[in-house]
Amino acid sequence: TIPMMELVSLVPIIMGVCLATVSHLEVNSLGLMWGCFGILSTSMYQIWVKEEQKRLGCNAQQLLYFQAPISTVMLLFVAAYVDDAIV
């Protein structure tokens, strides 16, 4: 069974999806592909993070503390490329 708090947390997400669906009716294959990719990658990342927390025996804040420097270095180069910034 799913805990009640998790079900309640889904309410704003479902409302947002409904609002976006009603207010924006254009659908194309490129948007569908990116939407599916975004959902899949986010889901896989969340599962991986939970498994890493279990494996390392740490809480979310500790995991974030160790992950932040690596993420900063990785995203520094990606952001510079994507945003056309000069570093």
Protein backbone atom coordinates (compact mmCIF):
# COMPACT_ATOMS: atom_id res chain seq x y z
CA THR A 1 0.00 0.00 0.00
CA ILE A 2 1.05 3.58 -0.59
CA PRO A 3 1.31 5.83 2.48
CA MET A 4 -1.34 8.56 2.73
CA MET A 5 1.26 11.38 2.69
CA GLU A 6 2.64 10.14 -0.64
CA LEU A 7 -0.86 10.06 -2.12
CA VAL A 8 -1.56 13.59 -0.86
CA SER A 9 1.73 14.81 -2.38
CA LEU A 10 0.54 13.61 -5.79
CA VAL A 11 -2.51 15.90 -5.76
CA PRO A 12 -0.68 19.11 -6.87
CA ILE A 13 1.20 17.17 -9.55
CA ILE A 14 -1.99 15.69 -10.97
CA MET A 15 -3.70 19.10 -10.86
CA GLY A 16 -0.74 20.66 -12.70
CA VAL A 17 -0.82 18.00 -15.40
CA CYS A 18 -4.57 18.47 -15.82
CA LEU A 19 -4.20 22.25 -16.04
CA ALA A 20 -1.38 22.00 -18.58
CA THR A 21 -3.37 19.50 -20.64
CA VAL A 22 -6.50 21.63 -20.72
CA SER A 23 -4.73 24.92 -21.41
CA HIS A 24 -2.28 23.63 -24.03
CA LEU A 25 -3.71 21.26 -26.59
CA GLU A 26 -0.84 21.11 -29.10
CA VAL A 27 0.94 17.74 -29.13
CA ASN A 28 3.87 16.79 -31.32
CA SER A 29 6.26 13.87 -31.44
CA LEU A 30 9.32 15.90 -30.38
CA GLY A 31 7.57 17.20 -27.26
CA LEU A 32 6.28 13.73 -26.48
CA MET A 33 9.78 12.29 -26.82
CA TRP A 34 11.33 14.92 -24.52
CA GLY A 35 8.50 14.56 -22.02
CA CYS A 36 8.93 10.79 -21.85
CA PHE A 37 12.70 11.17 -21.60
CA GLY A 38 12.32 13.66 -18.73
CA ILE A 39 9.96 11.41 -16.78
CA LEU A 40 12.11 8.33 -17.36
CA SER A 41 15.39 10.02 -16.42
CA THR A 42 13.90 11.63 -13.30
CA SER A 43 12.42 8.31 -12.19
CA MET A 44 15.68 6.45 -12.71
CA TYR A 45 17.62 9.17 -10.87
CA GLN A 46 15.28 9.03 -7.88
CA ILE A 47 15.60 5.25 -7.69
CA TRP A 48 19.39 5.48 -7.94
CA VAL A 49 19.60 8.14 -5.21
CA LYS A 50 17.50 6.03 -2.85
CA GLU A 51 19.69 2.98 -3.49
CA GLU A 52 22.85 5.03 -2.89
CA GLN A 53 21.41 6.31 0.39
CA LYS A 54 20.76 2.76 1.51
CA ARG A 55 24.19 1.55 0.36
CA LEU A 56 26.07 4.39 2.05
CA GLY A 57 23.87 4.48 5.13
CA CYS A 58 23.41 8.24 5.05
CA ASN A 59 20.48 10.63 5.05
CA ALA A 60 19.46 12.92 2.18
CA GLN A 61 21.41 15.93 3.48
CA GLN A 62 24.63 13.93 3.81
CA LEU A 63 24.25 12.52 0.30
CA LEU A 64 23.65 16.00 -1.09
CA TYR A 65 26.71 17.29 0.75
CA PHE A 66 28.92 14.69 -0.94
CA GLN A 67 27.26 14.99 -4.35
CA ALA A 68 27.25 18.80 -4.66
CA PRO A 69 30.95 19.34 -5.54
CA ILE A 70 30.84 16.67 -8.25
CA SER A 71 27.62 18.08 -9.69
CA THR A 72 29.06 21.60 -9.69
CA VAL A 73 32.09 20.57 -11.72
CA MET A 74 29.99 18.55 -14.18
CA LEU A 75 27.36 21.25 -14.66
CA LEU A 76 29.89 24.06 -14.97
CA PHE A 77 30.94 22.82 -18.39
CA VAL A 78 27.44 21.84 -19.51
CA ALA A 79 25.95 25.19 -18.47
CA ALA A 80 28.69 27.12 -20.24
CA TYR A 81 28.03 25.21 -23.45
CA VAL A 82 24.24 25.34 -23.28
CA ASP A 83 24.03 29.01 -22.25
CA ASP A 84 26.77 30.13 -24.69
CA ALA A 85 28.65 31.69 -21.77
CA ILE A 86 32.36 32.39 -21.72
CA VAL A 87 34.04 30.87 -18.67
